[in-house]
Amino acid sequence: MKRFGLMLGALVLMGNTAHASFEKGLAAYQQEDFGTAVSLWSKEGAEGHLDAQYNLGVIFEKGVPGVKKDLPEAFAWFRLAASQNVVAAEQALSRIKPLMTSVQLEEGNKRAIELLGKWYRTNIGLDDVRYKQILAQREQQIEARKKAEEQAAKARANQQRALLAQRDAAAKREERVKEQSRQAAILAAQRAAEQAKQQRVADDAARAEKERLANEQAERERQLKLAAAKLRLQQLKSKQQASGGPSIASTSLAPVTATPVETTAPAATTAVTKPVASVAPAAQPVPQPATPPKTVAQPSATSQQLQPAASTPKPVAEPKTVAKAVEAPKTRMPVISRGMDAKVVKEIISTANSVPLDNAAAKAEIAQANTEISALKWSLISAARGKASARGMNAILTKNMTQAQIAEANRQAAEWIMKRQARN
C-alpha cells in the first residue's frame, strides 16, 4: 500500500489542480478506506480529473481489500487518462493489454466509451441521443465481431473434425490393406503347402509306378528265362530220343520253379560212375554188371542250365540207366505262390475287408484321395511280390490316409492280384 501511496502522491503533484473530492479520496485511500476513495475518485474521474482517472486504473489493475481486481475497468480509466496525454496511463495500457482477452478488451473499450460519454457530456454538452447512437453502433460492432469469432470457431471446429475423419479413414484403409496382405500371405502359404503335398504324392506315385514297371520287367525276364529253359530241355529230350540214347523222361529232374534259392547252396548232383564196357567194336560182348550202372549226372535244375545232348558219350551197347532223384535245396525266403508272398496277400485281403466301403462317408473319403489310394495300391502289390522297400513306402503313404482310404487301396490291390493269379 505504501507503493500506491507514493504513486498517487506523485500524480497529485503532476496533475491538474486538485478538487476537494479528490483530496478527500486521497485521504480515505491513505487511511485504507478504499471504498470511499474509489467512490470519490469515480465522480472526479467522470468529470475529467486526470489523477483520479489514473489512480482508479491502478486500483482496479492490482486490486485492494474491498475492491476486486478488474482489468476491463482499469483499462477504461487508463484509456481516459491516456486520451488526455498522460504518459503513465499510456504505459499502463501497454502493460495490461497483453494480459487481457479479446472479450475483456471489448468490455474495457465499452466502459471507456461509457465513462467518456459521461465526461464528454458533462464537459462538452453532448446530448443523450447522439451518445446512445454511439453506444448502439458500438454494440453492433461488438456483436458483429462476436458472431465473426463464433463462425471462425465453428469453421475451425469443422475443419478439425474433417481432419480427424480423414485421419481415421486413412488409418482404417491402412488397417484393411495390412489385413488383406496378411490374408494373402496366409493363402499363399496354404497354396504352397498344398502344392508341396501334391508334389510329394505325385513323386511317391511316380516312384511306386517305376517300381511296378521294374517288377513287371523282372517278371517278364524271369518268364522268358523259364520258357527258354523249358525249350532247351525239350530240344535235349528230342535229340536224345532221336539218337537212341537214354531218355531224359526216365530221369528224375527237379522241376523249374520261381522259388528263389540261396546262392551258397551247392548244386545237387548224382555220383558219376563209368559203365563197365567202354567204347568198343560191336563184335565184342559187353559183360553185364551185377547192378545197373549209373548214367552221367545231370546238373541241378536250379541252375537252369542243361548240357547239350552232343556232349553225352554214346556207348556201343545201350545199358539201362537209373537216375537218382535230385533234391532241391531248402529256401529261407517267404513262401511264394505264383510269384506272390502268401502272407502279404493274406494281410491285404484282411485289411480290404476290415472297413465297410459301401456307405456315403467312406465313398466321400475315397473320392478325395484317388491319387493316394492308387499309389498305395501299387506299393502293396510291390510288397506282395517280395519288394522289401515297399513296406516302408506303405507306412509313409498310410500316415495321412483314413481307414476307408487304406481299405480301398487294399481292395484294389487284392483285385489286381486275383486277376493276375487267374491269368497265370
Protein backbone atom coordinates (compact mmCIF):
# COMPACT_ATOMS: atom_id res chain seq x y z
CA MET A 1 0.00 0.00 0.00
CA LYS A 2 2.92 2.34 0.58
CA ARG A 3 3.84 1.86 -3.09
CA PHE A 4 0.35 3.01 -4.16
CA GLY A 5 0.54 5.91 -1.76
CA LEU A 6 3.80 7.18 -3.26
CA MET A 7 2.46 6.69 -6.79
CA LEU A 8 -0.75 8.50 -6.06
CA GLY A 9 1.09 11.35 -4.31
CA ALA A 10 3.34 11.79 -7.35
CA LEU A 11 0.32 12.00 -9.65
CA VAL A 12 -1.23 14.68 -7.49
CA LEU A 13 1.87 16.81 -7.92
CA MET A 14 1.89 16.19 -11.68
CA GLY A 15 -1.81 16.52 -12.37
CA ASN A 16 -4.23 19.38 -12.60
CA THR A 17 -5.42 21.40 -9.69
CA ALA A 18 -6.85 19.05 -7.13
CA HIS A 19 -10.57 19.16 -6.42
CA ALA A 20 -11.92 18.92 -2.93
CA SER A 21 -13.42 15.49 -3.64
CA PHE A 22 -10.08 14.20 -4.94
CA GLU A 23 -8.35 15.34 -1.73
CA LYS A 24 -10.95 13.60 0.36
CA GLY A 25 -10.49 10.43 -1.75
CA LEU A 26 -6.71 10.60 -1.29
CA ALA A 27 -7.14 10.94 2.47
CA ALA A 28 -9.52 7.96 2.50
CA TYR A 29 -7.03 5.90 0.45
CA GLN A 30 -4.21 6.70 2.85
CA GLN A 31 -6.42 5.58 5.73
CA GLU A 32 -7.08 2.35 3.75
CA ASP A 33 -10.72 3.27 3.29
CA PHE A 34 -10.55 2.11 -0.32
CA GLY A 35 -14.30 2.00 -0.96
CA THR A 36 -14.67 5.71 -0.14
CA ALA A 37 -11.61 6.56 -2.22
CA VAL A 38 -12.96 4.71 -5.26
CA SER A 39 -16.40 6.35 -4.91
CA LEU A 40 -14.97 9.89 -4.67
CA TRP A 41 -12.41 9.36 -7.47
CA SER A 42 -15.01 7.81 -9.80
CA LYS A 43 -17.03 11.03 -9.61
CA GLU A 44 -13.92 13.13 -10.15
CA GLY A 45 -12.69 10.92 -12.98
CA ALA A 46 -16.03 11.13 -14.80
CA GLU A 47 -15.61 14.92 -14.69
CA GLY A 48 -12.14 14.63 -16.34
CA HIS A 49 -9.76 14.66 -13.33
CA LEU A 50 -6.53 13.07 -14.63
CA ASP A 51 -5.15 11.99 -11.24
CA ALA A 52 -8.44 10.38 -10.27
CA GLN A 53 -8.63 8.54 -13.60
CA TYR A 54 -5.07 7.16 -13.34
CA ASN A 55 -5.42 6.27 -9.63
CA LEU A 56 -8.62 4.33 -10.33
CA GLY A 57 -6.80 2.44 -13.12
CA VAL A 58 -4.03 1.46 -10.69
CA ILE A 59 -6.52 0.30 -8.01
CA PHE A 60 -8.52 -1.88 -10.45
CA GLU A 61 -5.34 -3.27 -12.06
CA LYS A 62 -3.87 -4.53 -8.77
CA GLY A 63 -6.92 -4.94 -6.59
CA VAL A 64 -7.14 -3.80 -2.94
CA PRO A 65 -9.06 -5.02 0.09
CA GLY A 66 -12.74 -4.41 -0.61
CA VAL A 67 -12.17 -3.75 -4.31
CA LYS A 68 -11.61 -6.76 -6.64
CA LYS A 69 -9.12 -6.77 -9.49
CA ASP A 70 -10.91 -5.75 -12.70
CA LEU A 71 -8.76 -5.35 -15.82
CA PRO A 72 -11.55 -4.04 -18.11
CA GLU A 73 -12.35 -1.31 -15.55
CA ALA A 74 -8.67 -0.49 -15.16
CA PHE A 75 -8.29 -0.37 -18.97
CA ALA A 76 -11.23 2.09 -19.22
CA TRP A 77 -9.77 4.54 -16.66
CA PHE A 78 -6.22 4.26 -18.13
CA ARG A 79 -7.66 4.95 -21.59
CA LEU A 80 -9.45 8.07 -20.39
CA ALA A 81 -6.25 9.34 -18.83
CA ALA A 82 -4.19 8.40 -21.94
CA SER A 83 -6.63 10.28 -24.18
CA GLN A 84 -5.57 13.35 -22.26
CA ASN A 85 -1.85 12.65 -22.88
CA VAL A 86 -0.97 11.12 -19.53
CA VAL A 87 2.25 9.18 -20.28
CA ALA A 88 1.94 6.90 -17.27
CA ALA A 89 -1.55 5.92 -18.44
CA GLU A 90 -0.24 5.08 -21.91
CA GLN A 91 2.47 2.92 -20.38
CA ALA A 92 -0.14 1.23 -18.21
CA LEU A 93 -2.23 0.40 -21.29
CA SER A 94 0.79 -1.21 -22.98
CA ARG A 95 1.42 -3.20 -19.82
CA ILE A 96 -2.06 -4.69 -19.30
CA LYS A 97 -3.19 -5.22 -22.92
CA PRO A 98 -1.16 -8.49 -23.37
CA LEU A 99 -2.76 -9.78 -20.17
CA MET A 100 -6.36 -9.27 -21.38
CA THR A 101 -8.56 -11.44 -23.56
CA SER A 102 -10.47 -10.09 -26.54
CA VAL A 103 -13.67 -10.10 -24.51
CA GLN A 104 -12.02 -8.14 -21.69
CA LEU A 105 -10.70 -5.60 -24.22
CA GLU A 106 -14.19 -5.15 -25.64
CA GLU A 107 -15.59 -4.66 -22.17
CA GLY A 108 -12.81 -2.16 -21.38
CA ASN A 109 -13.47 -0.16 -24.54
CA LYS A 110 -17.20 -0.19 -23.89
CA ARG A 111 -16.66 1.02 -20.33
CA ALA A 112 -14.24 3.70 -21.55
CA ILE A 113 -16.80 4.99 -24.05
CA GLU A 114 -19.39 4.99 -21.32
CA LEU A 115 -17.14 6.98 -18.99
CA LEU A 116 -16.01 9.19 -21.85
CA GLY A 117 -19.61 9.84 -22.70
CA LYS A 118 -20.32 10.99 -19.19
CA TRP A 119 -17.20 13.13 -19.18
CA TYR A 120 -17.89 14.44 -22.68
CA ARG A 121 -21.50 15.28 -21.91
CA THR A 122 -20.51 16.91 -18.71
CA ASN A 123 -17.73 18.98 -20.22
CA ILE A 124 -18.80 19.44 -23.86
CA GLY A 125 -22.57 19.03 -23.71
CA LEU A 126 -23.16 16.01 -25.98
CA ASP A 127 -26.87 15.18 -25.97
CA ASP A 128 -28.18 11.79 -24.94
CA VAL A 129 -29.48 10.92 -28.40
CA ARG A 130 -26.07 11.14 -30.00
CA TYR A 131 -24.49 9.36 -27.10
CA LYS A 132 -26.99 6.49 -27.40
CA GLN A 133 -26.34 6.28 -31.12
CA ILE A 134 -22.63 5.94 -30.43
CA LEU A 135 -23.33 3.23 -27.87
CA ALA A 136 -25.68 1.39 -30.28
CA GLN A 137 -23.07 1.43 -33.04
CA ARG A 138 -20.51 0.17 -30.59
CA GLU A 139 -22.81 -2.66 -29.53
CA GLN A 140 -23.43 -3.62 -33.15
CA GLN A 141 -19.70 -3.70 -33.82
CA ILE A 142 -19.14 -5.84 -30.73
CA GLU A 143 -21.97 -8.20 -31.71
CA ALA A 144 -20.70 -8.50 -35.28
CA ARG A 145 -17.21 -9.26 -34.02
CA LYS A 146 -18.58 -11.91 -31.65
CA LYS A 147 -20.54 -13.55 -34.48
CA ALA A 148 -17.48 -13.48 -36.70
CA GLU A 149 -15.41 -15.09 -33.96
CA GLU A 150 -18.12 -17.72 -33.36
CA GLN A 151 -18.26 -18.51 -37.07
CA ALA A 152 -14.49 -18.70 -37.23
CA ALA A 153 -14.52 -21.01 -34.20
CA LYS A 154 -17.16 -23.19 -35.85
CA ALA A 155 -15.15 -23.28 -39.05
CA ARG A 156 -12.05 -24.27 -37.15
CA ALA A 157 -14.02 -26.97 -35.30
CA ASN A 158 -15.46 -28.31 -38.57
CA GLN A 159 -12.02 -28.29 -40.13
CA GLN A 160 -10.63 -30.13 -37.13
CA ARG A 161 -13.42 -32.72 -37.31
CA ALA A 162 -12.85 -33.17 -41.04
CA LEU A 163 -9.13 -33.62 -40.43
CA LEU A 164 -9.81 -36.20 -37.72
CA ALA A 165 -12.25 -38.01 -40.02
CA GLN A 166 -9.63 -38.10 -42.77
CA ARG A 167 -7.06 -39.47 -40.36
CA ASP A 168 -9.49 -42.13 -39.13
CA ALA A 169 -10.35 -43.11 -42.71
CA ALA A 170 -6.65 -43.31 -43.62
CA ALA A 171 -5.95 -45.45 -40.55
CA LYS A 172 -8.83 -47.78 -41.43
CA ARG A 173 -7.63 -48.06 -45.03
CA GLU A 174 -4.13 -48.87 -43.82
CA GLU A 175 -5.52 -51.49 -41.46
CA ARG A 176 -7.57 -53.03 -44.28
CA VAL A 177 -4.50 -53.12 -46.52
CA LYS A 178 -2.49 -54.81 -43.77
CA GLU A 179 -5.25 -57.36 -43.19
CA GLN A 180 -5.54 -58.06 -46.91
CA SER A 181 -1.76 -58.50 -47.13
CA ARG A 182 -1.83 -60.86 -44.15
CA GLN A 183 -4.67 -62.91 -45.63
CA ALA A 184 -2.87 -63.02 -48.99
CA ALA A 185 0.30 -64.25 -47.28
CA ILE A 186 -1.65 -66.95 -45.42
CA LEU A 187 -3.38 -68.04 -48.64
CA ALA A 188 -0.06 -68.13 -50.50
CA ALA A 189 1.47 -70.24 -47.73
CA GLN A 190 -1.50 -72.62 -47.80
CA ARG A 191 -1.28 -72.93 -51.56
CA ALA A 192 2.46 -73.56 -51.38
CA ALA A 193 1.92 -76.25 -48.72
CA GLU A 194 -0.82 -77.87 -50.79
CA GLN A 195 1.34 -77.81 -53.91
CA ALA A 196 4.23 -79.32 -51.95
CA LYS A 197 1.91 -82.04 -50.65
CA GLN A 198 0.60 -82.78 -54.14
CA GLN A 199 4.16 -82.86 -55.45
CA ARG A 200 5.18 -85.32 -52.72
CA VAL A 201 2.19 -87.52 -53.53
CA ALA A 202 2.99 -87.33 -57.24
CA ASP A 203 6.64 -88.19 -56.55
CA ASP A 204 5.62 -91.13 -54.38
CA ALA A 205 3.21 -92.32 -57.04
CA ALA A 206 5.91 -91.95 -59.70
CA ARG A 207 8.34 -93.97 -57.60
CA ALA A 208 5.72 -96.64 -56.98
CA GLU A 209 4.90 -96.77 -60.68
CA LYS A 210 8.60 -97.03 -61.51
CA GLU A 211 8.97 -99.90 -59.07
CA ARG A 212 5.89 -101.57 -60.52
CA LEU A 213 7.25 -101.32 -64.03
CA ALA A 214 10.62 -102.62 -62.84
CA ASN A 215 8.91 -105.56 -61.14
CA GLU A 216 6.89 -106.31 -64.25
CA GLN A 217 10.05 -106.15 -66.34
CA ALA A 218 11.81 -108.51 -63.95
CA GLU A 219 8.82 -110.84 -64.08
CA ARG A 220 8.84 -110.82 -67.87
CA GLU A 221 12.57 -111.58 -67.93
CA ARG A 222 12.06 -114.42 -65.47
CA GLN A 223 9.26 -115.85 -67.58
CA LEU A 224 11.42 -115.57 -70.69
CA LYS A 225 14.28 -117.37 -68.97
CA LEU A 226 11.90 -120.07 -67.75
CA ALA A 227 10.45 -120.51 -71.24
CA ALA A 228 13.95 -120.67 -72.71
CA ALA A 229 14.97 -123.33 -70.17
CA LYS A 230 11.87 -125.38 -70.97
CA LEU A 231 12.59 -125.07 -74.69
CA ARG A 232 16.19 -126.22 -74.23
CA LEU A 233 15.00 -129.15 -72.16
CA GLN A 234 12.51 -130.11 -74.84
CA GLN A 235 15.19 -129.85 -77.51
CA LEU A 236 17.52 -132.05 -75.46
CA LYS A 237 14.82 -134.65 -75.00
CA SER A 238 14.11 -134.65 -78.71
CA LYS A 239 17.79 -135.09 -79.60
CA GLN A 240 18.24 -137.94 -77.11
CA GLN A 241 15.16 -139.73 -78.37
CA ALA A 242 16.31 -139.29 -81.99
CA SER A 243 19.81 -140.62 -81.24
CA GLY A 244 18.50 -143.62 -79.30
CA GLY A 245 20.32 -142.51 -76.13
CA PRO A 246 18.92 -142.62 -72.63
CA SER A 247 15.62 -140.79 -72.34
CA ILE A 248 15.51 -137.76 -70.18
CA ALA A 249 11.95 -138.60 -69.36
CA SER A 250 13.27 -141.61 -67.41
CA THR A 251 15.49 -139.41 -65.29
CA SER A 252 14.12 -137.59 -62.28
CA LEU A 253 14.91 -133.85 -62.56
CA ALA A 254 13.93 -131.15 -60.16
CA PRO A 255 11.13 -129.04 -61.67
CA VAL A 256 11.98 -125.49 -62.71
CA THR A 257 10.12 -123.15 -60.38
CA ALA A 258 10.18 -119.48 -59.46
CA THR A 259 11.21 -120.25 -55.91
CA PRO A 260 14.45 -118.36 -55.10
CA VAL A 261 17.28 -120.35 -53.60
CA GLU A 262 20.33 -119.42 -51.59
CA THR A 263 23.37 -118.71 -53.69
CA THR A 264 25.55 -120.61 -51.23
CA ALA A 265 23.64 -123.86 -51.63
CA PRO A 266 25.68 -126.32 -53.71
CA ALA A 267 24.08 -127.85 -56.76
CA ALA A 268 22.98 -131.37 -56.03
CA THR A 269 24.37 -133.95 -58.43
CA THR A 270 24.45 -137.70 -58.51
CA ALA A 271 27.63 -139.71 -58.29
CA VAL A 272 29.24 -140.34 -61.67
CA THR A 273 30.25 -143.91 -62.49
CA LYS A 274 31.67 -145.13 -65.73
CA PRO A 275 29.89 -148.01 -67.44
CA VAL A 276 31.70 -151.31 -67.28
CA ALA A 277 32.04 -151.51 -71.02
CA SER A 278 33.99 -148.76 -72.67
CA VAL A 279 33.58 -147.74 -76.24
CA ALA A 280 34.43 -150.89 -78.22
CA PRO A 281 33.57 -152.53 -81.52
CA ALA A 282 30.11 -154.03 -81.74
CA ALA A 283 31.51 -157.61 -82.16
CA GLN A 284 32.88 -157.73 -78.62
CA PRO A 285 30.39 -158.75 -75.94
CA VAL A 286 29.78 -156.43 -73.11
CA PRO A 287 29.82 -158.01 -69.66
CA GLN A 288 26.73 -157.25 -67.58
CA PRO A 289 27.41 -155.82 -64.15
CA ALA A 290 25.67 -157.07 -61.02
CA THR A 291 23.81 -153.76 -60.65
CA PRO A 292 22.74 -151.32 -63.35
CA PRO A 293 25.37 -148.70 -63.96
CA LYS A 294 24.56 -145.11 -63.22
CA THR A 295 24.46 -142.59 -66.01
CA VAL A 296 26.36 -139.31 -66.14
CA ALA A 297 24.84 -136.93 -63.58
CA GLN A 298 22.59 -134.18 -64.84
CA PRO A 299 23.11 -130.61 -63.45
CA SER A 300 20.64 -129.29 -60.89
CA ALA A 301 17.52 -127.64 -62.26
CA THR A 302 18.10 -124.62 -60.01
CA SER A 303 21.00 -123.58 -62.22
CA GLN A 304 18.52 -123.65 -65.15
CA GLN A 305 21.32 -124.81 -67.48
CA LEU A 306 21.34 -128.15 -69.26
CA GLN A 307 24.27 -129.75 -71.04
CA PRO A 308 23.66 -130.20 -74.77
CA ALA A 309 23.00 -133.72 -75.97
CA ALA A 310 26.08 -133.75 -78.14
CA SER A 311 28.30 -133.69 -75.03
CA THR A 312 26.95 -137.04 -73.74
CA PRO A 313 29.16 -140.01 -74.85
CA LYS A 314 27.34 -142.70 -76.76
CA PRO A 315 28.25 -146.28 -75.61
CA VAL A 316 28.10 -149.07 -78.14
CA ALA A 317 25.72 -151.04 -76.05
CA GLU A 318 22.65 -149.33 -74.62
CA PRO A 319 22.81 -150.13 -70.93
CA LYS A 320 19.85 -149.42 -68.83
CA THR A 321 20.38 -146.39 -66.64
CA VAL A 322 18.67 -145.36 -63.47
CA ALA A 323 18.87 -141.64 -62.48
CA LYS A 324 18.91 -140.70 -58.83
CA ALA A 325 16.36 -138.07 -57.81
CA VAL A 326 17.84 -134.64 -57.27
CA GLU A 327 16.74 -133.00 -54.03
CA ALA A 328 16.16 -129.25 -54.35
CA PRO A 329 17.79 -127.16 -51.62
CA LYS A 330 15.52 -125.72 -48.94
CA THR A 331 14.71 -121.97 -49.24
CA ARG A 332 14.77 -119.43 -46.48
CA MET A 333 12.73 -116.83 -48.40
CA PRO A 334 8.98 -116.26 -47.78
CA VAL A 335 6.64 -118.77 -49.27
CA ILE A 336 5.81 -117.60 -52.78
CA SER A 337 2.66 -118.71 -54.53
CA ARG A 338 2.68 -117.86 -58.20
CA GLY A 339 5.15 -115.05 -57.61
CA MET A 340 3.30 -113.60 -54.58
CA ASP A 341 4.07 -113.62 -50.84
CA ALA A 342 1.13 -115.54 -49.40
CA LYS A 343 1.41 -113.84 -46.01
CA VAL A 344 1.35 -110.34 -47.51
CA VAL A 345 -1.55 -111.26 -49.79
CA LYS A 346 -3.48 -112.52 -46.78
CA GLU A 347 -2.84 -109.25 -44.95
CA ILE A 348 -4.01 -107.24 -47.97
CA ILE A 349 -7.27 -109.20 -48.21
CA SER A 350 -7.84 -108.90 -44.45
CA THR A 351 -7.31 -105.13 -44.49
CA ALA A 352 -9.57 -104.73 -47.54
CA ASN A 353 -12.44 -106.33 -45.59
CA SER A 354 -11.75 -104.51 -42.30
CA VAL A 355 -13.85 -101.41 -43.09
CA PRO A 356 -17.25 -101.21 -44.86
CA LEU A 357 -16.84 -99.18 -48.06
CA ASP A 358 -20.43 -99.02 -49.33
CA ASN A 359 -21.58 -96.12 -47.11
CA ALA A 360 -21.68 -92.45 -48.13
CA ALA A 361 -18.95 -91.33 -45.71
CA ALA A 362 -16.47 -93.92 -46.94
CA LYS A 363 -17.25 -93.09 -50.58
CA ALA A 364 -16.67 -89.39 -49.91
CA GLU A 365 -13.31 -90.08 -48.25
CA ILE A 366 -12.26 -92.34 -51.13
CA ALA A 367 -13.22 -89.72 -53.74
CA GLN A 368 -10.95 -87.17 -52.02
CA ALA A 369 -7.80 -89.34 -52.23
CA ASN A 370 -7.77 -91.15 -55.56
CA THR A 371 -4.09 -90.38 -56.14
CA GLU A 372 -3.02 -91.56 -52.66
CA ILE A 373 -5.13 -94.72 -52.99
CA SER A 374 -3.60 -95.57 -56.38
CA ALA A 375 -0.08 -95.04 -55.05
CA LEU A 376 -0.74 -97.26 -52.00
CA LYS A 377 -2.29 -99.94 -54.24
CA TRP A 378 0.86 -100.35 -56.34
CA SER A 379 3.08 -100.18 -53.27
CA LEU A 380 1.05 -103.03 -51.70
CA ILE A 381 1.42 -105.07 -54.90
CA SER A 382 5.18 -104.50 -54.81
CA ALA A 383 5.26 -105.71 -51.20
CA ALA A 384 3.28 -108.82 -52.18
CA ARG A 385 5.82 -109.50 -54.90
CA GLY A 386 8.64 -109.51 -52.37
CA LYS A 387 9.89 -105.90 -52.65
CA ALA A 388 11.42 -105.19 -49.22
CA SER A 389 11.38 -101.39 -49.56
CA ALA A 390 7.65 -101.41 -50.31
CA ARG A 391 6.74 -101.90 -46.65
CA GLY A 392 8.48 -98.67 -45.72
CA MET A 393 6.65 -96.91 -48.55
CA ASN A 394 3.34 -98.35 -47.31
CA ALA A 395 3.94 -96.84 -43.86
CA ILE A 396 4.65 -93.43 -45.39
CA LEU A 397 1.58 -93.47 -47.66
CA THR A 398 -0.86 -94.60 -44.95
CA LYS A 399 0.33 -91.97 -42.46
CA ASN A 400 -2.11 -89.30 -43.70
CA MET A 401 -4.89 -91.59 -45.00
CA THR A 402 -8.18 -92.58 -43.38
CA GLN A 403 -9.16 -96.20 -42.64
CA ALA A 404 -11.64 -96.18 -45.53
CA GLN A 405 -8.99 -94.94 -47.96
CA ILE A 406 -6.49 -97.59 -46.77
CA ALA A 407 -9.11 -100.34 -47.06
CA GLU A 408 -9.99 -99.21 -50.60
CA ALA A 409 -6.31 -99.30 -51.64
CA ASN A 410 -6.00 -102.86 -50.22
CA ARG A 411 -9.21 -103.86 -52.02
CA GLN A 412 -7.86 -102.63 -55.35
CA ALA A 413 -4.52 -104.37 -54.73
CA ALA A 414 -6.29 -107.66 -53.87
CA GLU A 415 -8.44 -107.39 -57.00
CA TRP A 416 -5.32 -106.86 -59.15
CA ILE A 417 -3.54 -109.83 -57.52
CA MET A 418 -6.54 -112.16 -58.04
CA LYS A 419 -6.82 -111.20 -61.70
CA ARG A 420 -3.05 -111.76 -62.10
CA GLN A 421 -3.25 -115.17 -60.46
CA ALA A 422 -6.21 -116.14 -62.62
CA ARG A 423 -4.22 -115.35 -65.78
CA ASN A 424 -1.31 -117.47 -64.55
